[in-house]
Amino acid sequence: MYNLGAEAGEEQETSHRRIFDILVNGEVVIPSLEPVNHFGELRAAHKKIILKASDNSGVEIRFRAIQGNPILNAIEMKKLY
């Protein structure tokens, strides 16, 4: 890969490898996710997690970087009764 923002004549190799844990309410629900290896390059991914939030505590979602920067483009949450 080349850095498209490099000055003319400079070719810089960049690494876009991302590995990260996904935590929900402090608990690891998806460990060591590596999107390119799990889903392929430039592909949308879908992960379903069912959880219970009680006492109006809400839902906290965190990404813990292992390598590179974690990424999230969209999220959908549904309340089940």
Foldseek 3Di string as FASTA:
>chain_A
DFDPPDDPPDTDDDDQWWWKFKDKPRHGPRHGDTPCVVPNPPDDDDDDDDDDDPPPPDIDIDIGTPDHDDDDDDDDDDDDD
